[in-house]
C-alpha atoms as a PDB file:
ATOM      1  CA  UNK A   1      -5.304   0.497 -25.919  1.00  0.00           C
ATOM      2  CA  UNK A   2      -3.407   3.975 -24.684  1.00  0.00           C
ATOM      3  CA  UNK A   3       0.198   2.744 -23.183  1.00  0.00           C
ATOM      4  CA  UNK A   4       0.415   2.385 -19.027  1.00  0.00           C
ATOM      5  CA  UNK A   5       2.755   5.327 -17.829  1.00  0.00           C
ATOM      6  CA  UNK A   6       5.291   3.653 -15.585  1.00  0.00           C
ATOM      7  CA  UNK A   7       5.920   6.456 -13.647  1.00  0.00           C
ATOM      8  CA  UNK A   8       9.678   5.359 -13.724  1.00  0.00           C
ATOM      9  CA  UNK A   9      12.275   8.263 -12.197  1.00  0.00           C
ATOM     10  CA  UNK A  10      14.969   9.170 -14.759  1.00  0.00           C
ATOM     11  CA  UNK A  11      18.150  11.431 -14.003  1.00  0.00           C
ATOM     12  CA  UNK A  12      18.659  14.362 -15.321  1.00  0.00           C
ATOM     13  CA  UNK A  13      20.469  17.914 -15.370  1.00  0.00           C
ATOM     14  CA  UNK A  14      18.342  19.476 -12.689  1.00  0.00           C
ATOM     15  CA  UNK A  15      17.726  16.188 -10.662  1.00  0.00           C
ATOM     16  CA  UNK A  16      15.705  12.888 -10.484  1.00  0.00           C
ATOM     17  CA  UNK A  17      12.372  13.499 -12.620  1.00  0.00           C
ATOM     18  CA  UNK A  18       9.242  12.073 -12.364  1.00  0.00           C
ATOM     19  CA  UNK A  19       6.919  12.081 -15.665  1.00  0.00           C
ATOM     20  CA  UNK A  20       3.547  12.875 -14.861  1.00  0.00           C
ATOM     21  CA  UNK A  21       0.924  11.880 -17.558  1.00  0.00           C
ATOM     22  CA  UNK A  22      -2.038  14.596 -18.343  1.00  0.00           C
ATOM     23  CA  UNK A  23      -4.453  12.047 -17.289  1.00  0.00           C
ATOM     24  CA  UNK A  24      -3.044  12.237 -14.058  1.00  0.00           C
ATOM     25  CA  UNK A  25      -2.057  16.246 -13.929  1.00  0.00           C
ATOM     26  CA  UNK A  26      -4.680  18.885 -12.374  1.00  0.00           C
ATOM     27  CA  UNK A  27      -3.737  21.189 -15.573  1.00  0.00           C
ATOM     28  CA  UNK A  28      -4.926  18.463 -17.735  1.00  0.00           C
ATOM     29  CA  UNK A  29      -1.192  18.996 -19.161  1.00  0.00           C
ATOM     30  CA  UNK A  30       1.915  16.549 -19.522  1.00  0.00           C
ATOM     31  CA  UNK A  31       3.949  17.723 -15.961  1.00  0.00           C
ATOM     32  CA  UNK A  32       7.439  17.296 -14.319  1.00  0.00           C
ATOM     33  CA  UNK A  33       8.687  17.109 -10.908  1.00  0.00           C
ATOM     34  CA  UNK A  34      11.982  17.199  -9.888  1.00  0.00           C
ATOM     35  CA  UNK A  35      13.776  15.535  -6.998  1.00  0.00           C
ATOM     36  CA  UNK A  36      17.227  15.615  -5.525  1.00  0.00           C
ATOM     37  CA  UNK A  37      17.283  12.280  -4.523  1.00  0.00           C
ATOM     38  CA  UNK A  38      16.399   9.032  -6.268  1.00  0.00           C
ATOM     39  CA  UNK A  39      14.753   7.879  -3.070  1.00  0.00           C
ATOM     40  CA  UNK A  40      12.517  10.769  -2.944  1.00  0.00           C
ATOM     41  CA  UNK A  41      11.589  10.563  -6.625  1.00  0.00           C
ATOM     42  CA  UNK A  42      10.677   6.695  -6.343  1.00  0.00           C
ATOM     43  CA  UNK A  43       8.898   7.332  -2.994  1.00  0.00           C
ATOM     44  CA  UNK A  44       6.653   9.893  -4.827  1.00  0.00           C
ATOM     45  CA  UNK A  45       6.365   7.807  -8.343  1.00  0.00           C
ATOM     46  CA  UNK A  46       5.204   5.421  -5.778  1.00  0.00           C
ATOM     47  CA  UNK A  47       2.476   7.356  -4.305  1.00  0.00           C
ATOM     48  CA  UNK A  48       1.806   8.708  -7.974  1.00  0.00           C
ATOM     49  CA  UNK A  49       1.354   4.969  -9.263  1.00  0.00           C
ATOM     50  CA  UNK A  50      -0.674   3.703  -6.307  1.00  0.00           C
ATOM     51  CA  UNK A  51      -3.285   6.695  -7.154  1.00  0.00           C
ATOM     52  CA  UNK A  52      -3.194   5.664 -11.039  1.00  0.00           C
ATOM     53  CA  UNK A  53      -3.626   2.103 -10.443  1.00  0.00           C
ATOM     54  CA  UNK A  54      -6.633   2.912  -8.044  1.00  0.00           C
ATOM     55  CA  UNK A  55      -8.446   4.417 -11.026  1.00  0.00           C
ATOM     56  CA  UNK A  56      -7.545   8.306  -9.998  1.00  0.00           C
ATOM     57  CA  UNK A  57      -7.354  10.411 -13.147  1.00  0.00           C
ATOM     58  CA  UNK A  58      -6.909  14.478 -12.842  1.00  0.00           C
ATOM     59  CA  UNK A  59      -8.763  15.132 -16.141  1.00  0.00           C
ATOM     60  CA  UNK A  60     -12.112  13.230 -17.871  1.00  0.00           C
ATOM     61  CA  UNK A  61     -11.794   9.789 -19.517  1.00  0.00           C
ATOM     62  CA  UNK A  62     -10.182   9.923 -22.670  1.00  0.00           C
ATOM     63  CA  UNK A  63     -12.749   9.475 -25.856  1.00  0.00           C
ATOM     64  CA  UNK A  64     -11.598   6.048 -26.639  1.00  0.00           C
ATOM     65  CA  UNK A  65     -12.150   5.113 -23.003  1.00  0.00           C
ATOM     66  CA  UNK A  66     -15.550   6.470 -23.793  1.00  0.00           C
ATOM     67  CA  UNK A  67     -16.415   4.654 -26.949  1.00  0.00           C
ATOM     68  CA  UNK A  68     -15.123   1.207 -25.013  1.00  0.00           C
ATOM     69  CA  UNK A  69     -17.424   2.033 -21.640  1.00  0.00           C
ATOM     70  CA  UNK A  70     -20.427   2.318 -24.648  1.00  0.00           C
ATOM     71  CA  UNK A  71     -19.609  -1.247 -26.384  1.00  0.00           C
ATOM     72  CA  UNK A  72     -19.300  -3.034 -23.067  1.00  0.00           C
ATOM     73  CA  UNK A  73     -22.752  -1.818 -21.897  1.00  0.00           C
ATOM     74  CA  UNK A  74     -24.457  -2.739 -25.338  1.00  0.00           C
ATOM     75  CA  UNK A  75     -22.712  -6.282 -25.030  1.00  0.00           C
ATOM     76  CA  UNK A  76     -23.894  -6.273 -21.502  1.00  0.00           C
ATOM     77  CA  UNK A  77     -27.553  -4.919 -22.634  1.00  0.00           C
ATOM     78  CA  UNK A  78     -30.396  -7.719 -21.438  1.00  0.00           C
ATOM     79  CA  UNK A  79     -28.024  -9.089 -18.846  1.00  0.00           C
ATOM     80  CA  UNK A  80     -28.723  -7.614 -16.115  1.00  0.00           C
ATOM     81  CA  UNK A  81     -25.504  -7.489 -14.986  1.00  0.00           C
ATOM     82  CA  UNK A  82     -23.841  -3.599 -14.916  1.00  0.00           C
ATOM     83  CA  UNK A  83     -20.955  -2.171 -16.617  1.00  0.00           C
ATOM     84  CA  UNK A  84     -18.879  -2.271 -12.978  1.00  0.00           C
ATOM     85  CA  UNK A  85     -20.521  -5.836 -12.204  1.00  0.00           C
ATOM     86  CA  UNK A  86     -19.188  -7.215 -15.290  1.00  0.00           C
ATOM     87  CA  UNK A  87     -15.671  -5.441 -14.366  1.00  0.00           C
ATOM     88  CA  UNK A  88     -15.630  -6.982 -11.040  1.00  0.00           C
ATOM     89  CA  UNK A  89     -16.327 -10.621 -12.113  1.00  0.00           C
ATOM     90  CA  UNK A  90     -13.557 -10.177 -14.944  1.00  0.00           C
ATOM     91  CA  UNK A  91     -11.289  -9.096 -12.052  1.00  0.00           C
ATOM     92  CA  UNK A  92     -11.952 -11.728  -9.743  1.00  0.00           C
ATOM     93  CA  UNK A  93     -11.703 -14.548 -12.373  1.00  0.00           C
ATOM     94  CA  UNK A  94      -8.378 -13.042 -13.751  1.00  0.00           C
ATOM     95  CA  UNK A  95      -7.356 -12.758 -10.019  1.00  0.00           C
ATOM     96  CA  UNK A  96      -7.093  -9.485  -7.640  1.00  0.00           C
ATOM     97  CA  UNK A  97      -5.124  -6.058  -8.624  1.00  0.00           C
ATOM     98  CA  UNK A  98      -3.021  -6.857  -5.544  1.00  0.00           C
ATOM     99  CA  UNK A  99      -2.415 -10.152  -6.756  1.00  0.00           C
ATOM    100  CA  UNK A 100      -1.184  -8.735 -10.578  1.00  0.00           C
ATOM    101  CA  UNK A 101       0.495  -6.068  -8.986  1.00  0.00           C
ATOM    102  CA  UNK A 102       4.839  -6.491  -9.637  1.00  0.00           C
ATOM    103  CA  UNK A 103       6.970  -7.009  -6.605  1.00  0.00           C
ATOM    104  CA  UNK A 104       8.718  -3.749  -7.782  1.00  0.00           C
ATOM    105  CA  UNK A 105       5.612  -1.664  -7.573  1.00  0.00           C
ATOM    106  CA  UNK A 106       4.986  -3.038  -4.411  1.00  0.00           C
ATOM    107  CA  UNK A 107       8.247  -2.437  -2.839  1.00  0.00           C
ATOM    108  CA  UNK A 108       8.378   1.333  -3.765  1.00  0.00           C
ATOM    109  CA  UNK A 109       4.405   1.312  -2.384  1.00  0.00           C
ATOM    110  CA  UNK A 110       5.678   0.014   1.068  1.00  0.00           C
ATOM    111  CA  UNK A 111       8.543   2.208   1.061  1.00  0.00           C
ATOM    112  CA  UNK A 112       6.139   5.049   0.300  1.00  0.00           C
ATOM    113  CA  UNK A 113       3.960   4.076   2.990  1.00  0.00           C
ATOM    114  CA  UNK A 114       6.119   3.573   5.589  1.00  0.00           C
ATOM    115  CA  UNK A 115       8.596   6.153   5.153  1.00  0.00           C
ATOM    116  CA  UNK A 116      10.387   7.557   8.794  1.00  0.00           C
ATOM    117  CA  UNK A 117       7.982   4.941  10.580  1.00  0.00           C
ATOM    118  CA  UNK A 118      10.797   2.088  10.051  1.00  0.00           C
ATOM    119  CA  UNK A 119      13.672   1.435  12.640  1.00  0.00           C
ATOM    120  CA  UNK A 120      17.033   2.848  10.941  1.00  0.00           C
ATOM    121  CA  UNK A 121      18.383  -0.837  10.974  1.00  0.00           C
ATOM    122  CA  UNK A 122      15.161  -2.024   9.496  1.00  0.00           C
ATOM    123  CA  UNK A 123      14.944   0.744   6.843  1.00  0.00           C
ATOM    124  CA  UNK A 124      18.563   0.374   6.050  1.00  0.00           C
ATOM    125  CA  UNK A 125      17.946  -3.435   4.968  1.00  0.00           C
ATOM    126  CA  UNK A 126      14.797  -2.447   3.359  1.00  0.00           C
ATOM    127  CA  UNK A 127      16.912  -0.310   1.100  1.00  0.00           C
ATOM    128  CA  UNK A 128      19.173  -2.761   0.124  1.00  0.00           C
ATOM    129  CA  UNK A 129      16.299  -5.501  -0.736  1.00  0.00           C
ATOM    130  CA  UNK A 130      16.702  -4.624  -4.430  1.00  0.00           C
ATOM    131  CA  UNK A 131      20.631  -5.554  -4.526  1.00  0.00           C
ATOM    132  CA  UNK A 132      19.483  -8.962  -3.295  1.00  0.00           C
ATOM    133  CA  UNK A 133      17.066 -10.406  -6.032  1.00  0.00           C
ATOM    134  CA  UNK A 134      17.911 -10.661  -9.424  1.00  0.00           C
ATOM    135  CA  UNK A 135      15.924  -7.817 -12.036  1.00  0.00           C
ATOM    136  CA  UNK A 136      13.667 -10.367 -13.213  1.00  0.00           C
ATOM    137  CA  UNK A 137      12.242 -11.222  -9.487  1.00  0.00           C
ATOM    138  CA  UNK A 138      11.433  -7.418  -9.239  1.00  0.00           C
ATOM    139  CA  UNK A 139       9.309  -7.638 -12.268  1.00  0.00           C
ATOM    140  CA  UNK A 140       7.266 -10.934 -11.411  1.00  0.00           C
ATOM    141  CA  UNK A 141       3.646 -10.477 -10.217  1.00  0.00           C
ATOM    142  CA  UNK A 142       3.066 -10.960  -6.596  1.00  0.00           C
ATOM    143  CA  UNK A 143       0.700 -13.344  -6.630  1.00  0.00           C
ATOM    144  CA  UNK A 144       2.858 -15.714  -7.819  1.00  0.00           C
ATOM    145  CA  UNK A 145       5.894 -15.455  -5.318  1.00  0.00           C
ATOM    146  CA  UNK A 146       6.094 -17.923  -2.739  1.00  0.00           C
ATOM    147  CA  UNK A 147       8.648 -18.877  -0.405  1.00  0.00           C
ATOM    148  CA  UNK A 148      10.703 -20.833  -2.527  1.00  0.00           C
ATOM    149  CA  UNK A 149      10.756 -18.768  -5.192  1.00  0.00           C
ATOM    150  CA  UNK A 150      12.006 -15.927  -3.253  1.00  0.00           C
ATOM    151  CA  UNK A 151      14.880 -18.023  -1.418  1.00  0.00           C
ATOM    152  CA  UNK A 152      16.001 -19.476  -5.086  1.00  0.00           C
ATOM    153  CA  UNK A 153      16.057 -15.541  -6.369  1.00  0.00           C
ATOM    154  CA  UNK A 154      18.398 -15.009  -3.390  1.00  0.00           C
ATOM    155  CA  UNK A 155      20.495 -17.746  -3.536  1.00  0.00           C
ATOM    156  CA  UNK A 156      20.885 -16.700  -7.617  1.00  0.00           C
ATOM    157  CA  UNK A 157      22.397 -13.759  -6.452  1.00  0.00           C
ATOM    158  CA  UNK A 158      24.256 -14.930  -4.024  1.00  0.00           C
ATOM    159  CA  UNK A 159      24.945 -18.912  -3.992  1.00  0.00           C
ATOM    160  CA  UNK A 160      26.885 -19.312  -1.199  1.00  0.00           C
ATOM    161  CA  UNK A 161      24.696 -17.224   1.287  1.00  0.00           C
ATOM    162  CA  UNK A 162      24.414 -18.761   5.007  1.00  0.00           C
ATOM    163  CA  UNK A 163      20.762 -20.237   5.934  1.00  0.00           C
ATOM    164  CA  UNK A 164      20.760 -17.337   8.657  1.00  0.00           C
ATOM    165  CA  UNK A 165      20.976 -14.520   6.190  1.00  0.00           C
ATOM    166  CA  UNK A 166      18.988 -16.082   3.799  1.00  0.00           C
ATOM    167  CA  UNK A 167      15.897 -16.328   6.149  1.00  0.00           C
ATOM    168  CA  UNK A 168      16.464 -12.507   7.431  1.00  0.00           C
ATOM    169  CA  UNK A 169      16.513 -11.644   3.593  1.00  0.00           C
ATOM    170  CA  UNK A 170      13.333 -13.731   3.081  1.00  0.00           C
ATOM    171  CA  UNK A 171      11.683 -12.172   6.388  1.00  0.00           C
ATOM    172  CA  UNK A 172      12.096  -8.773   4.470  1.00  0.00           C
ATOM    173  CA  UNK A 173      10.914  -9.832   1.195  1.00  0.00           C
ATOM    174  CA  UNK A 174       7.973 -11.184   2.570  1.00  0.00           C
ATOM    175  CA  UNK A 175       6.568  -8.268   4.718  1.00  0.00           C
ATOM    176  CA  UNK A 176       6.947  -6.050   1.128  1.00  0.00           C
ATOM    177  CA  UNK A 177       4.871  -9.110  -0.311  1.00  0.00           C
ATOM    178  CA  UNK A 178       2.184  -8.683   2.592  1.00  0.00           C
ATOM    179  CA  UNK A 179       2.240  -5.410   2.552  1.00  0.00           C
ATOM    180  CA  UNK A 180      -1.430  -3.709   3.383  1.00  0.00           C
ATOM    181  CA  UNK A 181      -1.539  -0.070   3.591  1.00  0.00           C
ATOM    182  CA  UNK A 182      -2.754   1.240   6.859  1.00  0.00           C
ATOM    183  CA  UNK A 183      -6.012   2.919   7.538  1.00  0.00           C
ATOM    184  CA  UNK A 184      -5.354   6.538   8.780  1.00  0.00           C
ATOM    185  CA  UNK A 185      -7.473   7.445  11.551  1.00  0.00           C
ATOM    186  CA  UNK A 186      -8.754  10.971  11.775  1.00  0.00           C
ATOM    187  CA  UNK A 187      -6.458  13.029  14.615  1.00  0.00           C
ATOM    188  CA  UNK A 188      -9.239  15.700  15.121  1.00  0.00           C
ATOM    189  CA  UNK A 189     -11.198  15.785  18.479  1.00  0.00           C
ATOM    190  CA  UNK A 190     -14.381  17.829  18.558  1.00  0.00           C
ATOM    191  CA  UNK A 191     -14.814  20.216  21.114  1.00  0.00           C
ATOM    192  CA  UNK A 192     -18.045  22.075  22.707  1.00  0.00           C
ATOM    193  CA  UNK A 193     -18.050  25.173  22.842  1.00  0.00           C
ATOM    194  CA  UNK A 194     -19.504  26.849  26.307  1.00  0.00           C
ATOM    195  CA  UNK A 195     -22.566  27.977  24.727  1.00  0.00           C
ATOM    196  CA  UNK A 196     -23.128  23.925  23.073  1.00  0.00           C
ATOM    197  CA  UNK A 197     -22.227  23.238  27.232  1.00  0.00           C
ATOM    198  CA  UNK A 198     -24.693  25.661  28.504  1.00  0.00           C
ATOM    199  CA  UNK A 199     -27.251  24.391  26.455  1.00  0.00           C
ATOM    200  CA  UNK A 200     -26.650  20.702  27.250  1.00  0.00           C
ATOM    201  CA  UNK A 201     -27.013  22.077  31.091  1.00  0.00           C
ATOM    202  CA  UNK A 202     -29.925  23.512  30.510  1.00  0.00           C
ATOM    203  CA  UNK A 203     -31.666  20.436  28.910  1.00  0.00           C
ATOM    204  CA  UNK A 204     -31.006  18.155  32.165  1.00  0.00           C
ATOM    205  CA  UNK A 205     -34.289  17.372  34.001  1.00  0.00           C
ATOM    206  CA  UNK A 206     -32.506  17.266  37.586  1.00  0.00           C
ATOM    207  CA  UNK A 207     -30.037  19.348  39.709  1.00  0.00           C
ATOM    208  CA  UNK A 208     -28.437  15.994  40.263  1.00  0.00           C
ATOM    209  CA  UNK A 209     -28.159  15.234  36.543  1.00  0.00           C
ATOM    210  CA  UNK A 210     -27.150  18.618  35.520  1.00  0.00           C
ATOM    211  CA  UNK A 211     -24.017  17.898  38.338  1.00  0.00           C
ATOM    212  CA  UNK A 212     -23.036  15.333  36.843  1.00  0.00           C
ATOM    213  CA  UNK A 213     -23.111  16.308  33.357  1.00  0.00           C
ATOM    214  CA  UNK A 214     -21.024  19.509  34.856  1.00  0.00           C
ATOM    215  CA  UNK A 215     -18.776  17.112  35.810  1.00  0.00           C
ATOM    216  CA  UNK A 216     -18.344  14.962  32.551  1.00  0.00           C
ATOM    217  CA  UNK A 217     -17.630  18.081  30.931  1.00  0.00           C
ATOM    218  CA  UNK A 218     -14.936  19.359  33.509  1.00  0.00           C
ATOM    219  CA  UNK A 219     -13.406  15.993  33.277  1.00  0.00           C
ATOM    220  CA  UNK A 220     -12.939  16.633  29.308  1.00  0.00           C
ATOM    221  CA  UNK A 221     -16.182  14.931  27.985  1.00  0.00           C
ATOM    222  CA  UNK A 222     -15.110  14.278  23.877  1.00  0.00           C
ATOM    223  CA  UNK A 223     -19.307  14.686  21.903  1.00  0.00           C
ATOM    224  CA  UNK A 224     -17.586  12.309  19.666  1.00  0.00           C
ATOM    225  CA  UNK A 225     -17.740   9.248  21.858  1.00  0.00           C
ATOM    226  CA  UNK A 226     -20.266  10.336  24.572  1.00  0.00           C
ATOM    227  CA  UNK A 227     -23.027  11.695  22.706  1.00  0.00           C
ATOM    228  CA  UNK A 228     -22.508   9.753  19.166  1.00  0.00           C
END
């Protein structure tokens, strides 16, 4: 099985660099992307890692993966279960992909999704979050983390931590743990052209109806909501 890319940024003479494998490159060749700061590099790496984990690839699947798919299809022959259904059943038995995501990966994914959204104070706290935890905690899978584990990890780094500080840090860590990407709303608003407005008015069955429709257009009727 091919080694899974980690997209971990590294420092170089030209700045922080993220290595992009050929499977994720538009050109089909290995590529490098440079950044002036570690934060920007990790934010970009988080977005690429999330795309890779969701199955997005920049080129065709490898021959070895195609052979594995063919073998899996042969095993499933006559069962009435498709290859995709079998994969979903296997993942459900093992636990969802989110449950198997490491806390480190989710942290950087949340940071990328909330860039320029959080308040300055909240952002500063989130920037410091990795310092509150031991490296072993950052490598843990999210499905195995709960509040007692968070408190124990924080006290491992700072045993004399006050309860108020512990509560604040635990709440920020839980926010990362419970992170879910927001669904983006479409910002485009459809606007009827003068000719389209004219056609709408011409099909009105009465003068009264035409007047009502004309007022609606004058008030800023939106075809995507009023006309479905």
